[in-house]
Amino acid sequence: METDPVETDPVETESPETETPETEAWPPAPPQVVGEWCGGSDAAPEGHWTYAFSSDGQFTRHNAQRGGNTGYARFDAGQMTLYADGRQLIAYPWSTTVDAVLGDLLFIDGFSYVRGSCS
């Protein structure tokens, strides 16, 4: 005895939405990095960089020779990742310390930054 195939309605499934780094909720920046920082390599042909981090995770960075970027920073333990225009710019190790003479220091990829703007 033969039976005809049974037709069923297709099951509709919703695929989860994936958010880009620009639209998802960002964790706050650690309080010790909030503010402006100037530094980098003295030997770099482009000179020093100014970084500014806000408490909501936004950042700006600027260099007189190369221009700048704005976006969001993610700080995971000892790794800082900067995103701009939905893409990752850099991912470097970071840390902070306090020097008796210089005050607060931020280290990004081994280069030191002091509080304030380079310009």
Protein backbone atom coordinates (compact mmCIF):
# COMPACT_ATOMS: atom_id res chain seq x y z
CA MET A 1 0.00 0.00 0.00
CA GLU A 2 1.48 3.34 -1.10
CA THR A 3 0.93 6.60 0.71
CA ASP A 4 1.26 10.09 -0.63
CA PRO A 5 3.88 12.35 0.98
CA VAL A 6 2.46 14.62 3.61
CA GLU A 7 2.94 18.32 3.00
CA THR A 8 3.78 20.45 6.00
CA ASP A 9 4.00 24.18 6.44
CA PRO A 10 7.58 25.42 6.62
CA VAL A 11 8.68 26.26 10.13
CA GLU A 12 9.63 29.89 10.50
CA THR A 13 12.63 30.51 12.67
CA GLU A 14 14.08 33.81 13.71
CA SER A 15 17.80 34.14 13.47
CA PRO A 16 19.38 36.04 16.33
CA GLU A 17 20.51 39.53 15.49
CA THR A 18 24.19 40.14 15.75
CA GLU A 19 25.21 43.61 16.73
CA THR A 20 28.35 45.31 15.56
CA PRO A 21 30.71 46.86 18.10
CA GLU A 22 29.36 50.30 17.17
CA THR A 23 25.79 49.47 18.29
CA GLU A 24 26.16 47.16 21.26
CA ALA A 25 26.30 48.42 24.82
CA TRP A 26 29.88 49.13 25.77
CA PRO A 27 31.27 48.49 29.21
CA PRO A 28 32.56 51.61 30.92
CA ALA A 29 36.23 52.48 30.70
CA PRO A 30 38.22 51.85 33.87
CA PRO A 31 38.21 55.06 35.94
CA GLN A 32 42.01 55.25 35.98
CA VAL A 33 42.15 55.72 32.17
CA VAL A 34 39.38 58.33 31.84
CA GLY A 35 40.77 61.65 30.61
CA GLU A 36 43.43 62.87 28.17
CA TRP A 37 46.85 61.29 27.75
CA CYS A 38 49.95 62.33 25.77
CA GLY A 39 52.81 60.05 24.86
CA GLY A 40 54.19 57.37 22.62
CA SER A 41 57.63 56.91 21.16
CA ASP A 42 60.10 59.82 21.09
CA ALA A 43 61.72 58.14 18.08
CA ALA A 44 58.51 57.81 16.03
CA PRO A 45 58.60 59.96 12.88
CA GLU A 46 54.99 61.02 13.43
CA GLY A 47 55.64 62.24 16.98
CA HIS A 48 53.42 61.75 20.00
CA TRP A 49 49.75 60.79 20.21
CA THR A 50 46.98 62.26 22.35
CA TYR A 51 44.40 59.74 23.57
CA ALA A 52 41.18 60.74 25.37
CA PHE A 53 38.92 58.16 27.02
CA SER A 54 35.47 58.90 28.44
CA SER A 55 33.74 56.91 31.14
CA ASP A 56 31.18 55.49 28.67
CA GLY A 57 33.90 53.76 26.62
CA GLN A 58 34.29 56.34 23.85
CA PHE A 59 37.76 57.40 22.77
CA THR A 60 39.49 59.87 20.49
CA ARG A 61 43.12 59.74 19.44
CA HIS A 62 45.02 62.35 17.48
CA ASN A 63 48.47 62.86 16.05
CA ALA A 64 49.64 66.06 14.31
CA GLN A 65 51.10 64.10 11.38
CA ARG A 66 48.57 61.28 10.95
CA GLY A 67 45.24 62.81 11.99
CA GLY A 68 42.94 60.93 14.31
CA ASN A 69 40.11 58.54 15.04
CA THR A 70 37.09 58.37 17.29
CA GLY A 71 35.20 55.29 18.39
CA TYR A 72 34.89 52.93 21.32
CA ALA A 73 37.50 51.29 23.54
CA ARG A 74 37.13 47.92 25.23
CA PHE A 75 39.37 47.16 28.19
CA ASP A 76 39.62 43.45 29.01
CA ALA A 77 42.05 42.73 31.84
CA GLY A 78 45.39 43.74 30.30
CA GLN A 79 44.15 44.17 26.68
CA MET A 80 42.81 47.42 25.19
CA THR A 81 40.99 47.17 21.86
CA LEU A 82 39.97 50.28 19.92
CA TYR A 83 37.11 50.21 17.40
CA ALA A 84 36.20 52.91 14.86
CA ASP A 85 33.66 52.77 12.05
CA GLY A 86 32.74 49.20 13.04
CA ARG A 87 36.24 47.82 12.64
CA GLN A 88 39.04 47.04 15.02
CA LEU A 89 41.90 49.54 14.85
CA ILE A 90 44.37 48.22 17.40
CA ALA A 91 44.60 45.73 20.24
CA TYR A 92 47.46 46.35 22.66
CA PRO A 93 48.38 45.50 26.22
CA TRP A 94 47.76 48.35 28.67
CA SER A 95 48.39 49.16 32.31
CA THR A 96 48.51 52.14 34.65
CA THR A 97 50.77 53.16 37.49
CA VAL A 98 51.56 56.24 39.55
CA ASP A 99 55.07 57.70 39.41
CA ALA A 100 56.29 59.85 42.32
CA VAL A 101 57.51 62.56 39.91
CA LEU A 102 55.32 62.26 36.79
CA GLY A 103 52.04 61.30 38.47
CA ASP A 104 49.59 59.01 36.65
CA LEU A 105 51.07 56.97 33.80
CA LEU A 106 49.20 54.96 31.19
CA PHE A 107 51.16 52.33 29.26
CA ILE A 108 49.87 51.28 25.83
CA ASP A 109 51.89 48.59 24.10
CA GLY A 110 54.86 49.42 26.33
CA PHE A 111 54.85 53.16 25.54
CA SER A 112 54.17 55.62 28.35
CA TYR A 113 51.54 58.37 28.36
CA VAL A 114 51.15 61.20 30.89
CA ARG A 115 47.96 63.08 31.68
CA GLY A 116 47.17 65.94 29.29
CA SER A 117 47.11 66.75 25.61
CA CYS A 118 50.18 66.73 23.33
CA SER A 119 49.02 69.87 21.54
